[in-house]
Amino acid sequence: MIMIMIIITTDCVPGRDVREILGVVQGSTVRAKHLGRDIMAGLKNIVGGELRGYTELMREAREEAWSAWRKRRKDGADAVLNVRLATAAVTGGAAEILAYGTAVRLDGVATAAWS
């Protein structure tokens, strides 16, 4: 049987009551710019438009943060509420991406064991 994990940005799941709060789940990564992307971004600044190299860098960082988050999930959770992504500059050329939320068990849902 496949269990679907509910991952939601709100503080509740419509039609379901929280039975138990299991705690915060989170994952983060710190990524740095690289010279090739900096050169292309500098050229793009002259003509304007999307900085695709940085867009890709941030997408990769978000995926890495979620990957780390998945490894730290609480056993038996049915959902993760209040899911957020945050970013912060760490140094002049690097940023941290943090993914976090609250793992809960819901009434009326069979408990899933996450792998």
PDB file of N, CA and C in Angstrom:
ATOM      1  N   MET A   1       0.834  -1.180   0.000  1.00  0.00           N
ATOM      2  CA  MET A   1       0.000   0.000   0.000  1.00  0.00           C
ATOM      3  C   MET A   1       0.882   1.248   0.000  1.00  0.00           C
ATOM      4  N   ILE A   2       0.603   2.179  -0.892  1.00  0.00           N
ATOM      5  CA  ILE A   2       1.369   3.420  -0.976  1.00  0.00           C
ATOM      6  C   ILE A   2       0.720   4.469  -0.093  1.00  0.00           C
ATOM      7  N   MET A   3       1.515   5.062   0.776  1.00  0.00           N
ATOM      8  CA  MET A   3       1.021   6.125   1.660  1.00  0.00           C
ATOM      9  C   MET A   3       1.445   7.462   1.076  1.00  0.00           C
ATOM     10  N   ILE A   4       0.503   8.370   0.965  1.00  0.00           N
ATOM     11  CA  ILE A   4       0.785   9.707   0.461  1.00  0.00           C
ATOM     12  C   ILE A   4       1.036  10.614   1.652  1.00  0.00           C
ATOM     13  N   MET A   5       2.166  11.278   1.636  1.00  0.00           N
ATOM     14  CA  MET A   5       2.492  12.226   2.696  1.00  0.00           C
ATOM     15  C   MET A   5       1.866  13.563   2.345  1.00  0.00           C
ATOM     16  N   ILE A   6       1.124  14.135   3.260  1.00  0.00           N
ATOM     17  CA  ILE A   6       0.545  15.462   3.060  1.00  0.00           C
ATOM     18  C   ILE A   6       1.596  16.482   3.474  1.00  0.00           C
ATOM     19  N   ILE A   7       1.962  17.334   2.539  1.00  0.00           N
ATOM     20  CA  ILE A   7       2.928  18.399   2.806  1.00  0.00           C
ATOM     21  C   ILE A   7       2.224  19.692   2.428  1.00  0.00           C
ATOM     22  N   ILE A   8       2.018  20.565   3.419  1.00  0.00           N
ATOM     23  CA  ILE A   8       1.149  21.719   3.216  1.00  0.00           C
ATOM     24  C   ILE A   8       1.735  22.957   3.894  1.00  0.00           C
ATOM     25  N   THR A   9       1.483  24.115   3.303  1.00  0.00           N
ATOM     26  CA  THR A   9       2.029  25.361   3.853  1.00  0.00           C
ATOM     27  C   THR A   9       1.128  25.995   4.903  1.00  0.00           C
ATOM     28  N   THR A  10      -0.061  25.465   5.103  1.00  0.00           N
ATOM     29  CA  THR A  10      -0.972  26.003   6.112  1.00  0.00           C
ATOM     30  C   THR A  10      -0.752  25.303   7.448  1.00  0.00           C
ATOM     31  N   ASP A  11      -1.419  25.814   8.495  1.00  0.00           N
ATOM     32  CA  ASP A  11      -1.225  25.227   9.825  1.00  0.00           C
ATOM     33  C   ASP A  11      -2.223  24.118  10.141  1.00  0.00           C
ATOM     34  N   CYS A  12      -3.031  23.724   9.165  1.00  0.00           N
ATOM     35  CA  CYS A  12      -3.967  22.618   9.366  1.00  0.00           C
ATOM     36  C   CYS A  12      -4.261  21.964   8.019  1.00  0.00           C
ATOM     37  N   VAL A  13      -4.812  20.751   8.081  1.00  0.00           N
ATOM     38  CA  VAL A  13      -5.268  20.048   6.891  1.00  0.00           C
ATOM     39  C   VAL A  13      -6.789  20.116   6.923  1.00  0.00           C
ATOM     40  N   PRO A  14      -7.409  20.719   5.931  1.00  0.00           N
ATOM     41  CA  PRO A  14      -8.864  20.845   5.936  1.00  0.00           C
ATOM     42  C   PRO A  14      -9.552  19.493   6.120  1.00  0.00           C
ATOM     43  N   GLY A  15     -10.484  19.435   7.074  1.00  0.00           N
ATOM     44  CA  GLY A  15     -11.234  18.217   7.337  1.00  0.00           C
ATOM     45  C   GLY A  15     -10.533  17.215   8.232  1.00  0.00           C
ATOM     46  N   ARG A  16      -9.337  17.531   8.701  1.00  0.00           N
ATOM     47  CA  ARG A  16      -8.585  16.612   9.579  1.00  0.00           C
ATOM     48  C   ARG A  16      -8.140  17.344  10.829  1.00  0.00           C
ATOM     49  N   ASP A  17      -8.159  16.635  11.951  1.00  0.00           N
ATOM     50  CA  ASP A  17      -7.648  17.192  13.203  1.00  0.00           C
ATOM     51  C   ASP A  17      -6.269  16.621  13.486  1.00  0.00           C
ATOM     52  N   VAL A  18      -5.408  17.445  14.063  1.00  0.00           N
ATOM     53  CA  VAL A  18      -4.078  16.985  14.463  1.00  0.00           C
ATOM     54  C   VAL A  18      -4.229  16.163  15.738  1.00  0.00           C
ATOM     55  N   ARG A  19      -3.776  14.919  15.685  1.00  0.00           N
ATOM     56  CA  ARG A  19      -3.826  14.024  16.838  1.00  0.00           C
ATOM     57  C   ARG A  19      -2.586  14.189  17.707  1.00  0.00           C
ATOM     58  N   GLU A  20      -1.422  14.378  17.047  1.00  0.00           N
ATOM     59  CA  GLU A  20      -0.165  14.464  17.789  1.00  0.00           C
ATOM     60  C   GLU A  20       0.854  15.269  16.998  1.00  0.00           C
ATOM     61  N   ILE A  21       1.561  16.148  17.681  1.00  0.00           N
ATOM     62  CA  ILE A  21       2.653  16.899  17.065  1.00  0.00           C
ATOM     63  C   ILE A  21       3.939  16.144  17.343  1.00  0.00           C
ATOM     64  N   LEU A  22       4.656  15.799  16.285  1.00  0.00           N
ATOM     65  CA  LEU A  22       5.888  15.023  16.436  1.00  0.00           C
ATOM     66  C   LEU A  22       7.133  15.897  16.503  1.00  0.00           C
ATOM     67  N   GLY A  23       7.021  17.119  16.020  1.00  0.00           N
ATOM     68  CA  GLY A  23       8.156  18.027  16.115  1.00  0.00           C
ATOM     69  C   GLY A  23       8.565  18.601  14.770  1.00  0.00           C
ATOM     70  N   VAL A  24       9.576  19.418  14.809  1.00  0.00           N
ATOM     71  CA  VAL A  24      10.061  20.106  13.619  1.00  0.00           C
ATOM     72  C   VAL A  24      10.914  19.156  12.780  1.00  0.00           C
ATOM     73  N   VAL A  25      10.703  19.212  11.470  1.00  0.00           N
ATOM     74  CA  VAL A  25      11.599  18.539  10.533  1.00  0.00           C
ATOM     75  C   VAL A  25      12.255  19.640   9.716  1.00  0.00           C
ATOM     76  N   GLN A  26      13.537  19.493   9.439  1.00  0.00           N
ATOM     77  CA  GLN A  26      14.246  20.536   8.694  1.00  0.00           C
ATOM     78  C   GLN A  26      15.452  19.961   7.984  1.00  0.00           C
ATOM     79  N   GLY A  27      15.856  20.666   6.966  1.00  0.00           N
ATOM     80  CA  GLY A  27      17.069  20.327   6.231  1.00  0.00           C
ATOM     81  C   GLY A  27      17.623  21.607   5.634  1.00  0.00           C
ATOM     82  N   SER A  28      18.921  21.674   5.488  1.00  0.00           N
ATOM     83  CA  SER A  28      19.503  22.886   4.925  1.00  0.00           C
ATOM     84  C   SER A  28      20.740  22.546   4.096  1.00  0.00           C
ATOM     85  N   THR A  29      21.117  23.502   3.285  1.00  0.00           N
ATOM     86  CA  THR A  29      22.337  23.397   2.494  1.00  0.00           C
ATOM     87  C   THR A  29      22.902  24.799   2.322  1.00  0.00           C
ATOM     88  N   VAL A  30      24.197  24.895   2.172  1.00  0.00           N
ATOM     89  CA  VAL A  30      24.847  26.169   1.867  1.00  0.00           C
ATOM     90  C   VAL A  30      25.499  26.008   0.505  1.00  0.00           C
ATOM     91  N   ARG A  31      25.166  26.892  -0.415  1.00  0.00           N
ATOM     92  CA  ARG A  31      25.698  26.820  -1.762  1.00  0.00           C
ATOM     93  C   ARG A  31      26.440  28.108  -2.087  1.00  0.00           C
ATOM     94  N   ALA A  32      27.509  27.966  -2.864  1.00  0.00           N
ATOM     95  CA  ALA A  32      28.312  29.123  -3.264  1.00  0.00           C
ATOM     96  C   ALA A  32      28.187  29.353  -4.763  1.00  0.00           C
ATOM     97  N   LYS A  33      28.335  30.606  -5.159  1.00  0.00           N
ATOM     98  CA  LYS A  33      28.359  30.958  -6.583  1.00  0.00           C
ATOM     99  C   LYS A  33      29.620  30.367  -7.205  1.00  0.00           C
ATOM    100  N   HIS A  34      29.637  30.279  -8.531  1.00  0.00           N
ATOM    101  CA  HIS A  34      30.880  29.869  -9.173  1.00  0.00           C
ATOM    102  C   HIS A  34      31.205  30.807 -10.331  1.00  0.00           C
ATOM    103  N   LEU A  35      32.454  30.861 -10.692  1.00  0.00           N
ATOM    104  CA  LEU A  35      32.980  31.841 -11.634  1.00  0.00           C
ATOM    105  C   LEU A  35      32.219  31.875 -12.953  1.00  0.00           C
ATOM    106  N   GLY A  36      31.915  30.715 -13.521  1.00  0.00           N
ATOM    107  CA  GLY A  36      31.194  30.673 -14.797  1.00  0.00           C
ATOM    108  C   GLY A  36      29.842  31.363 -14.709  1.00  0.00           C
ATOM    109  N   ARG A  37      29.123  31.100 -13.622  1.00  0.00           N
ATOM    110  CA  ARG A  37      27.819  31.747 -13.432  1.00  0.00           C
ATOM    111  C   ARG A  37      27.982  33.242 -13.203  1.00  0.00           C
ATOM    112  N   ASP A  38      29.034  33.638 -12.488  1.00  0.00           N
ATOM    113  CA  ASP A  38      29.274  35.066 -12.244  1.00  0.00           C
ATOM    114  C   ASP A  38      29.554  35.816 -13.541  1.00  0.00           C
ATOM    115  N   ILE A  39      30.320  35.210 -14.437  1.00  0.00           N
ATOM    116  CA  ILE A  39      30.633  35.857 -15.718  1.00  0.00           C
ATOM    117  C   ILE A  39      29.360  36.028 -16.533  1.00  0.00           C
ATOM    118  N   MET A  40      28.559  34.975 -16.637  1.00  0.00           N
ATOM    119  CA  MET A  40      27.316  35.048 -17.402  1.00  0.00           C
ATOM    120  C   MET A  40      26.335  36.039 -16.768  1.00  0.00           C
ATOM    121  N   ALA A  41      26.285  36.078 -15.439  1.00  0.00           N
ATOM    122  CA  ALA A  41      25.400  37.027 -14.763  1.00  0.00           C
ATOM    123  C   ALA A  41      25.848  38.457 -15.031  1.00  0.00           C
ATOM    124  N   GLY A  42      27.144  38.690 -15.047  1.00  0.00           N
ATOM    125  CA  GLY A  42      27.668  40.020 -15.341  1.00  0.00           C
ATOM    126  C   GLY A  42      27.276  40.480 -16.734  1.00  0.00           C
ATOM    127  N   LEU A  43      27.356  39.572 -17.701  1.00  0.00           N
ATOM    128  CA  LEU A  43      26.955  39.904 -19.073  1.00  0.00           C
ATOM    129  C   LEU A  43      25.444  40.155 -19.150  1.00  0.00           C
ATOM    130  N   LYS A  44      24.672  39.351 -18.434  1.00  0.00           N
ATOM    131  CA  LYS A  44      23.218  39.496 -18.443  1.00  0.00           C
ATOM    132  C   LYS A  44      22.802  40.806 -17.790  1.00  0.00           C
ATOM    133  N   ASN A  45      23.556  41.274 -16.805  1.00  0.00           N
ATOM    134  CA  ASN A  45      23.245  42.550 -16.160  1.00  0.00           C
ATOM    135  C   ASN A  45      23.299  43.708 -17.146  1.00  0.00           C
ATOM    136  N   ILE A  46      24.098  43.578 -18.190  1.00  0.00           N
ATOM    137  CA  ILE A  46      24.221  44.643 -19.194  1.00  0.00           C
ATOM    138  C   ILE A  46      22.937  44.749 -20.023  1.00  0.00           C
ATOM    139  N   VAL A  47      22.381  43.595 -20.419  1.00  0.00           N
ATOM    140  CA  VAL A  47      21.207  43.603 -21.293  1.00  0.00           C
ATOM    141  C   VAL A  47      19.896  43.338 -20.561  1.00  0.00           C
ATOM    142  N   GLY A  48      19.970  42.901 -19.335  1.00  0.00           N
ATOM    143  CA  GLY A  48      18.763  42.611 -18.549  1.00  0.00           C
ATOM    144  C   GLY A  48      18.249  41.200 -18.785  1.00  0.00           C
ATOM    145  N   GLY A  49      17.321  40.773 -17.951  1.00  0.00           N
ATOM    146  CA  GLY A  49      16.702  39.457 -18.080  1.00  0.00           C
ATOM    147  C   GLY A  49      17.029  38.545 -16.914  1.00  0.00           C
ATOM    148  N   GLU A  50      16.510  37.340 -17.012  1.00  0.00           N
ATOM    149  CA  GLU A  50      16.690  36.349 -15.956  1.00  0.00           C
ATOM    150  C   GLU A  50      18.137  35.889 -15.887  1.00  0.00           C
ATOM    151  N   LEU A  51      18.640  35.749 -14.677  1.00  0.00           N
ATOM    152  CA  LEU A  51      19.984  35.202 -14.458  1.00  0.00           C
ATOM    153  C   LEU A  51      19.832  33.689 -14.291  1.00  0.00           C
ATOM    154  N   ARG A  52      19.779  32.983 -15.418  1.00  0.00           N
ATOM    155  CA  ARG A  52      19.465  31.553 -15.408  1.00  0.00           C
ATOM    156  C   ARG A  52      20.450  30.735 -14.595  1.00  0.00           C
ATOM    157  N   GLY A  53      21.710  31.106 -14.603  1.00  0.00           N
ATOM    158  CA  GLY A  53      22.696  30.373 -13.812  1.00  0.00           C
ATOM    159  C   GLY A  53      22.370  30.419 -12.326  1.00  0.00           C
ATOM    160  N   TYR A  54      21.954  31.587 -11.852  1.00  0.00           N
ATOM    161  CA  TYR A  54      21.591  31.721 -10.439  1.00  0.00           C
ATOM    162  C   TYR A  54      20.243  31.064 -10.144  1.00  0.00           C
ATOM    163  N   THR A  55      19.327  31.141 -11.108  1.00  0.00           N
ATOM    164  CA  THR A  55      18.044  30.447 -10.946  1.00  0.00           C
ATOM    165  C   THR A  55      18.286  28.957 -10.763  1.00  0.00           C
ATOM    166  N   GLU A  56      19.151  28.392 -11.591  1.00  0.00           N
ATOM    167  CA  GLU A  56      19.483  26.974 -11.501  1.00  0.00           C
ATOM    168  C   GLU A  56      20.184  26.661 -10.175  1.00  0.00           C
ATOM    169  N   LEU A  57      21.096  27.530  -9.764  1.00  0.00           N
ATOM    170  CA  LEU A  57      21.792  27.344  -8.491  1.00  0.00           C
ATOM    171  C   LEU A  57      20.798  27.287  -7.333  1.00  0.00           C
ATOM    172  N   MET A  58      19.821  28.193  -7.321  1.00  0.00           N
ATOM    173  CA  MET A  58      18.839  28.215  -6.231  1.00  0.00           C
ATOM    174  C   MET A  58      17.912  27.004  -6.308  1.00  0.00           C
ATOM    175  N   ARG A  59      17.550  26.571  -7.514  1.00  0.00           N
ATOM    176  CA  ARG A  59      16.727  25.366  -7.655  1.00  0.00           C
ATOM    177  C   ARG A  59      17.470  24.150  -7.105  1.00  0.00           C
ATOM    178  N   GLU A  60      18.742  24.024  -7.459  1.00  0.00           N
ATOM    179  CA  GLU A  60      19.557  22.909  -6.951  1.00  0.00           C
ATOM    180  C   GLU A  60      19.657  22.972  -5.424  1.00  0.00           C
ATOM    181  N   ALA A  61      19.834  24.159  -4.888  1.00  0.00           N
ATOM    182  CA  ALA A  61      19.951  24.315  -3.435  1.00  0.00           C
ATOM    183  C   ALA A  61      18.643  23.928  -2.744  1.00  0.00           C
ATOM    184  N   ARG A  62      17.498  24.335  -3.306  1.00  0.00           N
ATOM    185  CA  ARG A  62      16.200  23.956  -2.718  1.00  0.00           C
ATOM    186  C   ARG A  62      16.038  22.448  -2.729  1.00  0.00           C
ATOM    187  N   GLU A  63      16.376  21.806  -3.850  1.00  0.00           N
ATOM    188  CA  GLU A  63      16.279  20.348  -3.939  1.00  0.00           C
ATOM    189  C   GLU A  63      17.177  19.671  -2.906  1.00  0.00           C
ATOM    190  N   GLU A  64      18.377  20.191  -2.730  1.00  0.00           N
ATOM    191  CA  GLU A  64      19.299  19.622  -1.743  1.00  0.00           C
ATOM    192  C   GLU A  64      18.764  19.799  -0.327  1.00  0.00           C
ATOM    193  N   ALA A  65      18.182  20.956  -0.036  1.00  0.00           N
ATOM    194  CA  ALA A  65      17.595  21.189   1.293  1.00  0.00           C
ATOM    195  C   ALA A  65      16.443  20.221   1.536  1.00  0.00           C
ATOM    196  N   TRP A  66      15.567  20.018   0.530  1.00  0.00           N
ATOM    197  CA  TRP A  66      14.464  19.069   0.688  1.00  0.00           C
ATOM    198  C   TRP A  66      14.987  17.655   0.858  1.00  0.00           C
ATOM    199  N   SER A  67      16.060  17.308   0.149  1.00  0.00           N
ATOM    200  CA  SER A  67      16.639  15.979   0.277  1.00  0.00           C
ATOM    201  C   SER A  67      17.130  15.745   1.702  1.00  0.00           C
ATOM    202  N   ALA A  68      17.825  16.736   2.248  1.00  0.00           N
ATOM    203  CA  ALA A  68      18.291  16.628   3.633  1.00  0.00           C
ATOM    204  C   ALA A  68      17.105  16.550   4.583  1.00  0.00           C
ATOM    205  N   TRP A  69      16.037  17.305   4.286  1.00  0.00           N
ATOM    206  CA  TRP A  69      14.833  17.321   5.119  1.00  0.00           C
ATOM    207  C   TRP A  69      14.174  15.956   5.113  1.00  0.00           C
ATOM    208  N   ARG A  70      14.071  15.325   3.932  1.00  0.00           N
ATOM    209  CA  ARG A  70      13.450  14.009   3.828  1.00  0.00           C
ATOM    210  C   ARG A  70      14.183  12.978   4.674  1.00  0.00           C
ATOM    211  N   LYS A  71      15.501  13.087   4.772  1.00  0.00           N
ATOM    212  CA  LYS A  71      16.291  12.144   5.554  1.00  0.00           C
ATOM    213  C   LYS A  71      16.049  12.301   7.053  1.00  0.00           C
ATOM    214  N   ARG A  72      15.512  13.433   7.472  1.00  0.00           N
ATOM    215  CA  ARG A  72      15.316  13.712   8.891  1.00  0.00           C
ATOM    216  C   ARG A  72      13.852  13.643   9.325  1.00  0.00           C
ATOM    217  N   ARG A  73      12.970  13.118   8.459  1.00  0.00           N
ATOM    218  CA  ARG A  73      11.556  13.056   8.788  1.00  0.00           C
ATOM    219  C   ARG A  73      11.306  12.188  10.016  1.00  0.00           C
ATOM    220  N   LYS A  74      10.242  12.520  10.717  1.00  0.00           N
ATOM    221  CA  LYS A  74       9.868  11.762  11.912  1.00  0.00           C
ATOM    222  C   LYS A  74       9.098  10.502  11.507  1.00  0.00           C
ATOM    223  N   ASP A  75       9.389   9.369  12.124  1.00  0.00           N
ATOM    224  CA  ASP A  75       8.651   8.138  11.858  1.00  0.00           C
ATOM    225  C   ASP A  75       7.207   8.300  12.304  1.00  0.00           C
ATOM    226  N   GLY A  76       6.293   7.810  11.476  1.00  0.00           N
ATOM    227  CA  GLY A  76       4.886   7.791  11.838  1.00  0.00           C
ATOM    228  C   GLY A  76       4.109   9.049  11.530  1.00  0.00           C
ATOM    229  N   ALA A  77       4.701  10.042  10.914  1.00  0.00           N
ATOM    230  CA  ALA A  77       3.965  11.272  10.600  1.00  0.00           C
ATOM    231  C   ALA A  77       3.053  11.044   9.401  1.00  0.00           C
ATOM    232  N   ASP A  78       1.885  11.666   9.442  1.00  0.00           N
ATOM    233  CA  ASP A  78       0.947  11.625   8.330  1.00  0.00           C
ATOM    234  C   ASP A  78       1.064  12.873   7.462  1.00  0.00           C
ATOM    235  N   ALA A  79       1.580  13.956   8.059  1.00  0.00           N
ATOM    236  CA  ALA A  79       1.648  15.227   7.339  1.00  0.00           C
ATOM    237  C   ALA A  79       2.759  16.089   7.911  1.00  0.00           C
ATOM    238  N   VAL A  80       3.157  17.061   7.109  1.00  0.00           N
ATOM    239  CA  VAL A  80       4.059  18.111   7.578  1.00  0.00           C
ATOM    240  C   VAL A  80       3.345  19.428   7.304  1.00  0.00           C
ATOM    241  N   LEU A  81       3.105  20.180   8.365  1.00  0.00           N
ATOM    242  CA  LEU A  81       2.373  21.442   8.293  1.00  0.00           C
ATOM    243  C   LEU A  81       3.326  22.624   8.320  1.00  0.00           C
ATOM    244  N   ASN A  82       2.810  23.778   7.903  1.00  0.00           N
ATOM    245  CA  ASN A  82       3.580  25.034   7.937  1.00  0.00           C
ATOM    246  C   ASN A  82       4.928  24.907   7.233  1.00  0.00           C
ATOM    247  N   VAL A  83       4.958  24.234   6.105  1.00  0.00           N
ATOM    248  CA  VAL A  83       6.206  24.039   5.367  1.00  0.00           C
ATOM    249  C   VAL A  83       6.698  25.382   4.836  1.00  0.00           C
ATOM    250  N   ARG A  84       7.955  25.657   5.040  1.00  0.00           N
ATOM    251  CA  ARG A  84       8.560  26.915   4.603  1.00  0.00           C
ATOM    252  C   ARG A  84       9.939  26.657   4.015  1.00  0.00           C
ATOM    253  N   LEU A  85      10.335  27.547   3.113  1.00  0.00           N
ATOM    254  CA  LEU A  85      11.698  27.615   2.601  1.00  0.00           C
ATOM    255  C   LEU A  85      12.221  28.996   2.947  1.00  0.00           C
ATOM    256  N   ALA A  86      13.423  29.058   3.460  1.00  0.00           N
ATOM    257  CA  ALA A  86      14.036  30.343   3.800  1.00  0.00           C
ATOM    258  C   ALA A  86      15.449  30.369   3.242  1.00  0.00           C
ATOM    259  N   THR A  87      15.932  31.557   2.975  1.00  0.00           N
ATOM    260  CA  THR A  87      17.295  31.714   2.490  1.00  0.00           C
ATOM    261  C   THR A  87      17.976  32.838   3.253  1.00  0.00           C
ATOM    262  N   ALA A  88      19.271  32.701   3.422  1.00  0.00           N
ATOM    263  CA  ALA A  88      20.049  33.736   4.117  1.00  0.00           C
ATOM    264  C   ALA A  88      21.462  33.743   3.564  1.00  0.00           C
ATOM    265  N   ALA A  89      22.029  34.933   3.430  1.00  0.00           N
ATOM    266  CA  ALA A  89      23.421  35.058   2.999  1.00  0.00           C
ATOM    267  C   ALA A  89      24.327  34.579   4.126  1.00  0.00           C
ATOM    268  N   VAL A  90      25.308  33.777   3.779  1.00  0.00           N
ATOM    269  CA  VAL A  90      26.255  33.268   4.770  1.00  0.00           C
ATOM    270  C   VAL A  90      27.557  34.056   4.678  1.00  0.00           C
ATOM    271  N   THR A  91      28.052  34.223   3.465  1.00  0.00           N
ATOM    272  CA  THR A  91      29.223  35.049   3.192  1.00  0.00           C
ATOM    273  C   THR A  91      28.934  35.819   1.909  1.00  0.00           C
ATOM    274  N   GLY A  92      29.910  36.563   1.424  1.00  0.00           N
ATOM    275  CA  GLY A  92      29.715  37.349   0.219  1.00  0.00           C
ATOM    276  C   GLY A  92      29.285  36.549  -0.991  1.00  0.00           C
ATOM    277  N   GLY A  93      29.649  35.301  -1.086  1.00  0.00           N
ATOM    278  CA  GLY A  93      29.325  34.525  -2.274  1.00  0.00           C
ATOM    279  C   GLY A  93      28.546  33.260  -2.014  1.00  0.00           C
ATOM    280  N   ALA A  94      27.959  33.123  -0.825  1.00  0.00           N
ATOM    281  CA  ALA A  94      27.254  31.887  -0.497  1.00  0.00           C
ATOM    282  C   ALA A  94      25.957  32.184   0.240  1.00  0.00           C
ATOM    283  N   ALA A  95      24.995  31.264   0.067  1.00  0.00           N
ATOM    284  CA  ALA A  95      23.702  31.409   0.731  1.00  0.00           C
ATOM    285  C   ALA A  95      23.265  30.062   1.294  1.00  0.00           C
ATOM    286  N   GLU A  96      22.507  30.119   2.377  1.00  0.00           N
ATOM    287  CA  GLU A  96      21.912  28.919   2.958  1.00  0.00           C
ATOM    288  C   GLU A  96      20.455  28.853   2.532  1.00  0.00           C
ATOM    289  N   ILE A  97      19.996  27.671   2.180  1.00  0.00           N
ATOM    290  CA  ILE A  97      18.583  27.403   1.926  1.00  0.00           C
ATOM    291  C   ILE A  97      18.136  26.463   3.036  1.00  0.00           C
ATOM    292  N   LEU A  98      17.062  26.804   3.717  1.00  0.00           N
ATOM    293  CA  LEU A  98      16.526  26.007   4.819  1.00  0.00           C
ATOM    294  C   LEU A  98      15.095  25.615   4.487  1.00  0.00           C
ATOM    295  N   ALA A  99      14.779  24.323   4.564  1.00  0.00           N
ATOM    296  CA  ALA A  99      13.417  23.809   4.397  1.00  0.00           C
ATOM    297  C   ALA A  99      12.981  23.281   5.765  1.00  0.00           C
ATOM    298  N   TYR A 100      11.789  23.690   6.221  1.00  0.00           N
ATOM    299  CA  TYR A 100      11.344  23.228   7.533  1.00  0.00           C
ATOM    300  C   TYR A 100       9.828  23.184   7.620  1.00  0.00           C
ATOM    301  N   GLY A 101       9.333  22.430   8.586  1.00  0.00           N
ATOM    302  CA  GLY A 101       7.903  22.300   8.835  1.00  0.00           C
ATOM    303  C   GLY A 101       7.686  21.516  10.115  1.00  0.00           C
ATOM    304  N   THR A 102       6.415  21.271  10.447  1.00  0.00           N
ATOM    305  CA  THR A 102       6.056  20.542  11.665  1.00  0.00           C
ATOM    306  C   THR A 102       5.437  19.208  11.294  1.00  0.00           C
ATOM    307  N   ALA A 103       6.057  18.112  11.723  1.00  0.00           N
ATOM    308  CA  ALA A 103       5.548  16.764  11.467  1.00  0.00           C
ATOM    309  C   ALA A 103       4.432  16.463  12.453  1.00  0.00           C
ATOM    310  N   VAL A 104       3.308  15.919  11.950  1.00  0.00           N
ATOM    311  CA  VAL A 104       2.152  15.622  12.796  1.00  0.00           C
ATOM    312  C   VAL A 104       1.531  14.285  12.410  1.00  0.00           C
ATOM    313  N   ARG A 105       0.754  13.746  13.349  1.00  0.00           N
ATOM    314  CA  ARG A 105      -0.138  12.621  13.071  1.00  0.00           C
ATOM    315  C   ARG A 105      -1.548  13.187  13.059  1.00  0.00           C
ATOM    316  N   LEU A 106      -2.343  12.714  12.105  1.00  0.00           N
ATOM    317  CA  LEU A 106      -3.703  13.214  11.945  1.00  0.00           C
ATOM    318  C   LEU A 106      -4.718  12.174  12.383  1.00  0.00           C
ATOM    319  N   ASP A 107      -5.874  12.627  12.882  1.00  0.00           N
ATOM    320  CA  ASP A 107      -6.981  11.711  13.169  1.00  0.00           C
ATOM    321  C   ASP A 107      -7.521  11.175  11.861  1.00  0.00           C
ATOM    322  N   GLY A 108      -7.930   9.903  11.882  1.00  0.00           N
ATOM    323  CA  GLY A 108      -8.569   9.318  10.722  1.00  0.00           C
ATOM    324  C   GLY A 108      -7.629   8.934   9.597  1.00  0.00           C
ATOM    325  N   VAL A 109      -6.330   8.891   9.852  1.00  0.00           N
ATOM    326  CA  VAL A 109      -5.350   8.500   8.829  1.00  0.00           C
ATOM    327  C   VAL A 109      -4.522   7.361   9.394  1.00  0.00           C
ATOM    328  N   ALA A 110      -4.368   6.300   8.617  1.00  0.00           N
ATOM    329  CA  ALA A 110      -3.486   5.211   9.055  1.00  0.00           C
ATOM    330  C   ALA A 110      -2.073   5.729   9.118  1.00  0.00           C
ATOM    331  N   THR A 111      -1.362   5.429  10.206  1.00  0.00           N
ATOM    332  CA  THR A 111      -0.007   5.913  10.385  1.00  0.00           C
ATOM    333  C   THR A 111       0.927   5.297   9.361  1.00  0.00           C
ATOM    334  N   ALA A 112       1.709   6.144   8.720  1.00  0.00           N
ATOM    335  CA  ALA A 112       2.667   5.700   7.702  1.00  0.00           C
ATOM    336  C   ALA A 112       4.056   5.654   8.291  1.00  0.00           C
ATOM    337  N   ALA A 113       4.816   4.657   7.924  1.00  0.00           N
ATOM    338  CA  ALA A 113       6.241   4.634   8.282  1.00  0.00           C
ATOM    339  C   ALA A 113       7.002   5.174   7.086  1.00  0.00           C
ATOM    340  N   TRP A 114       7.652   6.299   7.233  1.00  0.00           N
ATOM    341  CA  TRP A 114       8.394   6.905   6.118  1.00  0.00           C
ATOM    342  C   TRP A 114       9.682   6.163   5.908  1.00  0.00           C
ATOM    343  N   SER A 115      10.089   6.065   4.674  1.00  0.00           N
ATOM    344  CA  SER A 115      11.373   5.427   4.396  1.00  0.00           C
ATOM    345  C   SER A 115      12.430   6.475   4.228  1.00  0.00           C
TER     346      SER A 115
END
